Protein backbone atom coordinates (compact mmCIF):
# COMPACT_ATOMS: atom_id res chain seq x y z
CA MET A 1 -21.48 -23.31 -62.52
CA ALA A 2 -24.98 -22.44 -63.75
CA MET A 3 -26.44 -19.06 -62.68
CA ASP A 4 -29.08 -19.11 -60.02
CA ALA A 5 -32.52 -18.98 -61.65
CA ASP A 6 -33.70 -15.90 -59.72
CA ILE A 7 -30.54 -14.03 -60.52
CA GLN A 8 -30.87 -15.06 -64.17
CA ARG A 9 -34.44 -13.67 -64.22
CA GLN A 10 -33.29 -10.38 -62.64
CA VAL A 11 -30.41 -9.98 -65.07
CA ASP A 12 -32.71 -10.74 -68.01
CA GLN A 13 -35.03 -7.96 -66.87
CA ILE A 14 -32.18 -5.53 -66.66
CA HIS A 15 -30.97 -6.40 -70.17
CA ALA A 16 -34.50 -6.20 -71.62
CA ASP A 17 -34.77 -2.65 -70.35
CA ARG A 18 -31.76 -1.66 -72.52
CA THR A 19 -30.45 0.96 -70.07
CA MET A 20 -26.83 1.53 -71.06
CA SER A 21 -24.22 1.47 -68.29
CA VAL A 22 -20.60 1.78 -67.44
CA ILE A 23 -19.59 -0.06 -64.28
CA ALA A 24 -16.50 0.87 -62.21
CA MET A 25 -15.65 -1.47 -59.37
CA SER A 26 -12.93 -1.66 -56.74
CA GLY A 27 -12.59 -4.24 -53.99
CA GLY A 28 -15.63 -6.55 -54.51
CA GLY A 29 -18.66 -7.32 -56.63
CA ALA A 30 -17.01 -9.51 -59.21
CA GLN A 31 -19.92 -11.93 -59.30
CA ALA A 32 -22.20 -9.14 -60.55
CA LEU A 33 -19.97 -8.68 -63.57
CA ASN A 34 -20.15 -12.39 -64.27
CA TRP A 35 -23.89 -12.46 -63.96
CA LEU A 36 -24.35 -9.49 -66.25
CA LEU A 37 -21.85 -10.50 -68.92
CA ALA A 38 -22.74 -14.17 -68.99
CA ALA A 39 -26.39 -13.55 -69.85
CA PRO A 40 -27.65 -12.98 -73.42
CA GLY A 41 -28.22 -9.31 -74.18
CA ALA A 42 -25.27 -8.02 -72.09
CA SER A 43 -24.08 -5.83 -74.94
CA ARG A 44 -27.33 -3.86 -74.86
CA THR A 45 -26.74 -2.94 -71.19
CA VAL A 46 -22.96 -2.92 -70.48
CA LEU A 47 -20.97 -0.40 -72.44
CA GLU A 48 -17.79 -0.87 -70.42
CA VAL A 49 -16.42 -2.35 -67.20
CA GLN A 50 -13.60 -0.66 -65.30
CA VAL A 51 -11.85 -2.41 -62.44
CA PRO A 52 -9.45 0.18 -60.92
CA TYR A 53 -8.20 -2.21 -58.18
CA ALA A 54 -4.83 -0.61 -57.32
CA ALA A 55 -4.79 2.82 -55.69
CA SER A 56 -2.91 4.25 -58.65
CA ALA A 57 -5.47 2.86 -61.06
CA LEU A 58 -8.38 4.36 -59.09
CA ALA A 59 -6.60 7.75 -58.93
CA GLN A 60 -6.11 7.63 -62.73
CA PHE A 61 -9.78 6.68 -63.30
CA LEU A 62 -11.10 9.53 -61.06
CA GLY A 63 -8.55 12.10 -62.07
CA TYR A 64 -7.52 12.61 -58.44
CA GLU A 65 -6.28 10.60 -55.45
CA PRO A 66 -9.19 10.10 -53.02
CA GLU A 67 -8.57 10.50 -49.29
CA LYS A 68 -10.37 7.23 -48.67
CA VAL A 69 -11.01 4.34 -51.10
CA VAL A 70 -14.00 2.85 -49.31
CA ASP A 71 -16.02 5.99 -48.87
CA PRO A 72 -19.35 7.31 -50.15
CA VAL A 73 -17.74 10.27 -51.83
CA THR A 74 -15.33 8.00 -53.73
CA ALA A 75 -18.21 5.71 -54.77
CA ARG A 76 -20.24 8.77 -56.02
CA ASP A 77 -17.33 10.13 -57.94
CA MET A 78 -16.72 6.67 -59.50
CA ALA A 79 -20.33 6.57 -60.56
CA ARG A 80 -20.18 10.10 -61.92
CA THR A 81 -16.99 9.34 -63.90
CA ALA A 82 -18.60 6.15 -65.18
CA TYR A 83 -21.67 8.11 -66.24
CA GLU A 84 -19.45 10.56 -68.15
CA ARG A 85 -17.84 7.60 -69.98
CA ALA A 86 -21.27 6.21 -70.78
CA GLN A 87 -22.19 9.52 -72.40
CA ARG A 88 -19.12 9.31 -74.60
CA LEU A 89 -19.52 5.63 -75.48
CA SER A 90 -23.27 5.36 -76.15
CA GLN A 91 -24.18 5.08 -79.82
CA ARG A 92 -27.98 5.29 -79.48
CA GLU A 93 -30.64 7.24 -77.60
CA GLY A 94 -31.62 5.85 -74.19
CA ARG A 95 -31.22 5.98 -70.47
CA LEU A 96 -27.65 6.05 -69.18
CA VAL A 97 -26.30 5.05 -65.80
CA GLY A 98 -22.86 5.07 -64.18
CA ILE A 99 -22.27 2.52 -61.40
CA GLY A 100 -19.44 3.02 -58.83
CA SER A 101 -18.68 0.31 -56.27
CA THR A 102 -15.91 0.37 -53.68
CA SER A 103 -15.69 -2.17 -50.84
CA ALA A 104 -13.47 -3.85 -48.29
CA LEU A 105 -14.00 -7.55 -47.90
CA THR A 106 -12.33 -10.33 -45.92
CA THR A 107 -8.82 -11.12 -47.12
CA ASP A 108 -5.66 -13.02 -46.19
CA ARG A 109 -4.44 -10.27 -43.86
CA TRP A 110 -5.91 -8.61 -40.81
CA LYS A 111 -7.85 -5.36 -41.41
CA ARG A 112 -8.48 -2.75 -38.82
CA GLY A 113 -11.74 -1.38 -40.39
CA GLY A 114 -15.08 -3.02 -40.97
CA HIS A 115 -16.26 -5.03 -43.95
CA GLY A 116 -18.71 -3.70 -46.49
CA GLY A 117 -18.66 -0.75 -48.82
CA PHE A 118 -20.61 1.72 -50.95
CA VAL A 119 -22.30 1.37 -54.32
CA SER A 120 -23.52 4.48 -56.20
CA ALA A 121 -25.70 4.86 -59.29
CA TRP A 122 -25.50 8.15 -61.24
CA THR A 123 -28.15 9.09 -63.79
CA THR A 124 -29.25 12.28 -65.51
CA HIS A 125 -31.82 12.85 -62.79
CA GLY A 126 -29.95 11.97 -59.61
CA VAL A 127 -27.56 9.81 -57.63
CA SER A 128 -28.34 6.97 -55.24
CA THR A 129 -25.72 5.73 -52.82
CA TYR A 130 -26.08 2.38 -50.95
CA ARG A 131 -24.04 1.87 -47.77
CA LEU A 132 -23.41 -1.74 -46.75
CA ASP A 133 -21.97 -2.72 -43.32
CA LEU A 134 -21.16 -6.46 -42.99
CA GLY A 135 -20.32 -8.28 -39.85
CA LYS A 136 -16.76 -9.52 -39.54
CA GLY A 137 -16.29 -13.23 -39.56
CA LEU A 138 -19.88 -14.04 -40.61
CA ARG A 139 -19.07 -14.99 -44.20
CA ASP A 140 -16.08 -16.01 -46.30
CA ARG A 141 -14.81 -13.84 -49.19
CA HIS A 142 -17.06 -15.43 -51.80
CA GLU A 143 -20.13 -14.94 -49.65
CA GLU A 144 -19.32 -11.31 -48.90
CA ASP A 145 -18.60 -10.66 -52.59
CA ARG A 146 -22.03 -12.15 -53.38
CA VAL A 147 -23.75 -9.67 -51.08
CA VAL A 148 -21.89 -6.67 -52.69
CA SER A 149 -22.74 -8.17 -56.16
CA LEU A 150 -26.40 -8.36 -55.34
CA LEU A 151 -26.26 -4.72 -54.22
CA VAL A 152 -24.64 -3.76 -57.55
CA LEU A 153 -27.46 -5.48 -59.38
CA ARG A 154 -29.98 -3.64 -57.19
CA ALA A 155 -28.38 -0.25 -57.84
CA LEU A 156 -28.33 -0.91 -61.68
CA ALA A 157 -31.92 -2.23 -61.66
CA GLU A 158 -33.34 0.72 -59.64
CA ALA A 159 -31.48 3.23 -61.82
CA ALA A 160 -33.10 1.58 -64.79
CA ASP A 161 -36.58 1.60 -63.09
CA VAL A 162 -36.57 -2.19 -63.11
CA ALA A 163 -38.20 -3.86 -60.11
CA PHE A 164 -35.58 -5.60 -57.89
CA ASP A 165 -36.86 -8.45 -55.70
CA LEU A 166 -33.83 -10.53 -54.86
CA PRO A 167 -33.15 -10.90 -51.08
CA ILE A 168 -29.83 -9.49 -49.86
CA ASN A 169 -30.03 -11.69 -46.73
CA LEU A 170 -28.31 -9.52 -44.16
CA ARG A 171 -27.50 -10.96 -40.73
CA PRO A 172 -28.51 -9.40 -37.38
CA GLY A 173 -26.45 -6.32 -36.74
CA GLU A 174 -25.63 -5.67 -40.37
CA LEU A 175 -26.80 -2.54 -42.12
CA LEU A 176 -27.99 -1.40 -45.55
CA GLU A 177 -28.81 2.29 -45.99
CA VAL A 178 -29.75 4.17 -49.16
CA GLU A 179 -29.27 7.92 -49.69
CA ARG A 180 -30.87 9.46 -52.73
CA SER A 181 -30.24 12.88 -54.14
CA ASP A 182 -32.97 13.74 -56.72
CA HIS A 183 -31.86 16.44 -59.15
CA THR A 184 -35.45 17.27 -59.80
CA GLY A 185 -35.62 18.82 -56.30
CA LEU A 186 -33.50 21.69 -57.61
CA ILE A 187 -35.82 22.15 -60.58
CA ALA A 188 -38.83 22.27 -58.25
CA GLY A 189 -36.95 24.92 -56.20
CA LEU A 190 -36.29 26.92 -59.38
CA LEU A 191 -39.94 26.81 -60.41
CA ALA A 192 -41.04 27.79 -56.91
CA GLY A 193 -38.71 30.74 -56.88
CA GLU A 194 -36.53 29.30 -54.12
CA VAL A 195 -33.37 29.38 -56.26
CA SER A 196 -32.67 31.69 -59.22
CA THR A 197 -30.37 29.45 -61.25
CA VAL A 198 -29.70 25.80 -61.71
CA THR A 199 -26.56 24.88 -63.64
CA VAL A 200 -26.60 21.51 -65.32
CA ARG A 201 -23.11 20.26 -66.21
CA PRO A 202 -22.34 18.00 -69.17
CA ASP A 203 -22.03 15.02 -66.84
CA GLY A 204 -25.50 15.64 -65.36
CA ALA A 205 -24.35 17.23 -62.12
CA LEU A 206 -26.52 20.05 -60.86
CA GLU A 207 -25.65 23.16 -58.82
CA ALA A 208 -27.83 26.00 -57.58
CA GLU A 209 -26.62 29.55 -57.74
CA ALA A 210 -23.32 28.74 -59.45
CA PHE A 211 -21.15 31.72 -60.41
CA PHE A 212 -20.26 32.10 -64.09
CA GLN A 213 -18.22 34.61 -66.17
CA GLY A 214 -18.11 34.44 -69.95
CA GLY A 215 -20.61 34.20 -72.72
CA VAL A 216 -24.30 33.24 -72.34
CA LEU A 217 -26.39 31.97 -75.28
CA SER A 218 -30.06 32.12 -74.38
CA GLY A 219 -32.89 30.30 -76.08
CA SER A 220 -35.72 27.74 -75.83
CA PHE A 221 -33.62 24.95 -77.44
CA ASP A 222 -36.55 23.01 -78.67
CA PRO A 223 -34.51 21.22 -79.81
CA LEU A 224 -30.79 22.06 -79.40
CA HIS A 225 -29.23 21.88 -82.88
CA ARG A 226 -25.88 22.28 -84.63
CA GLY A 227 -26.59 26.00 -85.30
CA HIS A 228 -26.75 26.69 -81.57
CA GLU A 229 -23.53 24.79 -80.98
CA ALA A 230 -21.70 26.50 -83.82
CA LEU A 231 -22.76 29.88 -82.55
CA ALA A 232 -21.52 29.06 -79.03
CA GLU A 233 -18.15 27.96 -80.54
CA ALA A 234 -17.84 31.13 -82.60
CA ALA A 235 -18.72 33.29 -79.66
CA SER A 236 -16.25 31.50 -77.40
CA SER A 237 -13.52 32.05 -79.95
CA ILE A 238 -14.34 35.78 -80.17
CA LEU A 239 -14.62 36.24 -76.39
CA ARG A 240 -11.74 33.88 -75.56
CA GLU A 241 -13.98 32.69 -72.71
CA ALA A 242 -16.37 29.83 -72.10
CA VAL A 243 -19.94 30.04 -73.28
CA VAL A 244 -22.87 28.43 -71.50
CA PHE A 245 -26.45 28.02 -72.70
CA GLU A 246 -29.27 29.59 -70.72
CA MET A 247 -32.87 28.43 -70.83
CA SER A 248 -35.63 30.17 -68.95
CA ALA A 249 -38.46 28.12 -67.57
CA ALA A 250 -40.63 31.28 -67.62
CA ASN A 251 -41.74 32.98 -70.78
CA VAL A 252 -43.19 36.45 -71.39
CA ASP A 253 -46.18 35.32 -73.46
CA LYS A 254 -46.34 31.51 -72.86
CA ALA A 255 -46.96 29.21 -69.98
CA ASP A 256 -44.05 28.12 -67.86
CA LEU A 257 -42.25 25.00 -68.89
CA ALA A 258 -43.27 21.84 -67.01
CA PRO A 259 -40.48 19.85 -65.24
CA GLN A 260 -40.72 16.98 -67.65
CA GLU A 261 -40.35 19.40 -70.64
CA ILE A 262 -37.31 20.98 -68.99
CA TRP A 263 -35.67 17.64 -68.55
CA SER A 264 -36.49 16.63 -72.14
CA ARG A 265 -34.70 19.67 -73.46
CA VAL A 266 -31.77 19.43 -71.02
CA GLU A 267 -31.01 15.90 -72.12
CA GLY A 268 -30.02 17.38 -75.51
CA PHE A 269 -27.02 18.98 -73.80
CA ALA A 270 -25.84 15.87 -72.03
CA GLY A 271 -22.18 15.04 -72.49
CA ARG A 272 -21.42 18.23 -74.44
CA TRP A 273 -22.53 21.54 -72.98
CA THR A 274 -23.35 23.31 -69.76
CA VAL A 275 -26.88 24.76 -69.54
CA VAL A 276 -28.08 27.18 -66.91
CA LEU A 277 -31.84 27.10 -66.07
CA THR A 278 -33.47 30.32 -64.89
CA ARG A 279 -36.83 32.03 -64.53
CA ALA A 280 -35.62 35.19 -66.34
CA PRO A 281 -37.55 35.62 -69.57
CA THR A 282 -36.13 39.05 -70.46
CA PHE A 283 -32.50 40.22 -70.81
CA HIS A 284 -32.60 42.85 -68.08
CA LEU A 285 -33.65 40.08 -65.74
CA LYS A 286 -30.97 37.76 -67.12
CA ALA A 287 -28.38 40.56 -66.57
CA ARG A 288 -29.09 40.42 -62.83
CA LEU A 289 -28.17 36.77 -62.86
CA PHE A 290 -25.10 37.07 -65.16
CA PRO A 291 -23.36 40.31 -64.30
CA GLY A 292 -20.38 41.05 -66.46
CA CYS A 293 -21.30 38.51 -69.09
CA ALA A 294 -21.75 38.81 -72.82
CA PHE A 295 -25.08 37.65 -74.17
CA VAL A 296 -24.83 35.89 -77.54
CA ILE A 297 -27.95 36.60 -79.63
CA GLY A 298 -29.23 36.55 -83.22
CA TRP A 299 -30.36 39.43 -85.35
CA ASP A 300 -34.07 38.71 -84.66
CA THR A 301 -33.52 38.79 -80.90
CA ALA A 302 -31.52 42.00 -81.18
CA VAL A 303 -34.48 43.60 -83.00
CA ARG A 304 -36.91 42.64 -80.25
CA LEU A 305 -34.49 43.92 -77.63
CA VAL A 306 -34.60 47.53 -78.98
CA GLU A 307 -38.13 47.61 -80.32
CA PRO A 308 -40.53 49.57 -77.98
CA ARG A 309 -43.51 47.48 -78.96
CA TYR A 310 -41.98 44.51 -77.12
CA TYR A 311 -42.16 46.80 -73.96
CA GLY A 312 -45.80 47.54 -74.27
CA GLY A 313 -45.08 50.34 -76.76
CA ASP A 314 -43.16 52.33 -74.12
CA LYS A 315 -39.76 53.59 -75.36
CA CYS A 316 -38.75 54.68 -71.88
CA GLU A 317 -39.25 51.09 -70.68
CA MET A 318 -36.94 49.83 -73.46
CA LEU A 319 -34.29 52.37 -72.65
CA ALA A 320 -34.55 51.61 -68.93
CA ALA A 321 -34.02 47.97 -69.67
CA LEU A 322 -30.94 48.61 -71.72
CA ALA A 323 -29.59 50.92 -69.03
CA GLU A 324 -30.04 48.19 -66.44
CA ILE A 325 -28.21 45.68 -68.67
CA ARG A 326 -25.30 48.17 -69.05
CA GLU A 327 -25.24 48.87 -65.31
CA ALA A 328 -24.78 45.07 -64.81
CA GLY A 329 -21.69 45.25 -67.05
CA CYS A 330 -23.32 43.09 -69.71
CA ARG A 331 -23.08 43.42 -73.50
CA PHE A 332 -24.24 41.62 -76.68
CA LEU A 333 -22.61 39.66 -79.47
CA VAL A 334 -25.06 39.68 -82.40
CA ALA A 335 -25.01 37.01 -85.16
CA GLY A 336 -26.70 37.48 -88.53
CA ARG A 337 -29.77 35.48 -89.50
CA GLU A 338 -31.56 34.65 -92.75
CA GLN A 339 -35.24 35.60 -93.08
CA ASP A 340 -37.30 35.37 -96.23
CA GLY A 341 -34.18 34.94 -98.34
CA VAL A 342 -32.35 37.92 -96.85
CA PHE A 343 -29.42 37.64 -94.49
CA HIS A 344 -29.81 40.27 -91.73
CA THR A 345 -27.04 41.57 -89.49
CA LEU A 346 -26.52 44.03 -86.64
CA GLU A 347 -26.45 46.82 -89.24
CA ASP A 348 -30.17 46.23 -89.71
CA VAL A 349 -30.97 46.69 -86.01
CA PRO A 350 -32.05 50.24 -84.91
CA VAL A 351 -29.85 50.31 -81.76
CA PRO A 352 -30.22 53.58 -79.84
CA ALA A 353 -27.03 55.62 -80.31
CA ASP A 354 -26.39 55.84 -76.59
CA PHE A 355 -26.21 52.05 -76.35
CA ALA A 356 -24.39 51.23 -79.60
CA ASP A 357 -21.16 50.39 -77.77
CA MET A 358 -22.91 47.48 -76.02
CA PHE A 359 -23.45 45.62 -79.32
CA THR A 360 -20.75 43.81 -81.30
CA PRO A 361 -21.40 42.00 -84.60
CA ILE A 362 -20.39 38.38 -85.26
CA SER A 363 -19.32 38.33 -88.90
CA GLU A 364 -20.94 36.10 -91.48
CA GLU A 365 -17.58 34.47 -91.98
CA ALA A 366 -17.41 33.55 -88.31
CA PHE A 367 -20.90 32.17 -88.17
CA ARG A 368 -23.86 31.54 -90.42
CA HIS A 369 -26.45 28.75 -90.03
CA ASP A 370 -29.82 29.12 -91.64
CA VAL A 371 -31.74 26.28 -90.02
CA SER A 372 -33.89 27.09 -86.97
CA SER A 373 -35.37 25.00 -84.21
CA THR A 374 -38.86 25.79 -85.58
CA ARG A 375 -37.87 24.36 -88.98
CA ILE A 376 -36.40 21.24 -87.35
CA ARG A 377 -39.56 20.64 -85.38
CA VAL A 378 -41.67 20.92 -88.55
CA VAL A 379 -39.57 19.16 -91.23
CA GLY A 380 -36.82 17.49 -89.23
CA PRO A 381 -33.02 18.22 -89.25
CA ARG A 382 -31.41 19.03 -92.57
CA ALA A 383 -28.50 16.98 -93.69
C-alpha cells in the first residue's frame, strides 16, 4: 500500500534534516517504523530500531525491570537509553535524539486499563514526553496504532526542530498532553546564581547540586581534546577514583560564558565524560563545591595558584586561599607541561613549604601531552 502523501512529505522533511535517532518501541507505533524506513534517506535518520516487546526484553534494554510498562517514567528511560545508544552508534557530527514509546492498544483479550500510552524524545537539551489517552472501542487495533505512530513522528520531528503539521484526529473525550523538561533551565539557574553546580552526564542528563567525590579536572575545554582525556585517565588511575571535568561559566578576567557557548563546549563531552558546570573561577571557590576532592592541574596552573601577582600582588591573599583549600580537604595532582621547548614539572613550582604536602606530581611516564586547546583552535588538531 502506498504511503499517504502528507505522511510521505512529513517523513521526507525529517530525513532531510539528518537528525540521527535510535527508536525504542513497545506495544504500538509499528506504522511509524514502516513510514520512516520505507522512505528514501532513512539511513541518514534512523541509526537503529529496538522493539523490546516482551517484559524480559524491555528489562534487558533498560537495565532494570520497570514497575509499569505503560508509564511516563518508562517511556523517558527508554528514550534516554535510546539516546545513549545513538551517541555510541553515530559516525558523524549532528543532532541526536532517542525516542521511547510504550503503549497499550486494543487486543484479542480484555484489558482492565485504558488504551493509549507515552512517547518520549530525549535530546542533549531536554526531554519531551507525550501522553496519549484513547477511548476504548472507538478504533480497531490498526487505527489505534496509526494514532500512536503519528505521535512518534511528531516527537521525532519536534526533537529535530522540524515543523509537524499532520492531524492526530483525536475523538471527543480523548487526551493528548505534552510535558517538556528543558535542560537549559538549569543552566539559566546556574548563571543567575540560583544553583551552584549543574552536572551533565555522558547521556545528556542534568542534575543540580549533585554530590561528587574523586578527582576534578578544571578547564575551559575550548575544545576538549585527547590531552584532557588522557590526563583524566592518568589521574583516575593514580587516585583509584573517578575523575570529572569542571568548567566555570565565570572567569576572573573575561566575560561570563553565554548559554549557547556553554552548550557548544558541553557537547564535546557527550557520550564519554561527566562535566560539572559551576560559577567558581578560582580554586578556593571550587574547593567549597568539591570538598575532599583532588584537583587535577597542569604545571602552568600550579604556578598561577601560588604566585602572589595572581592575587593582586598580595601574598597573604594567596596563602589564605591555599589555607581555605586545605581546610576543605582538597589537594592537587600536578602534571608536567611543555613550554618553549622545555618540559616543566611540579619541581619548577615555588610551592610554599607549609603547603607542599597538598601537591603531588604526575610523572612524565604517566602523562605527557604537548598539544593545547589554544594550538588546536589556531592550527587544528595534530595527527
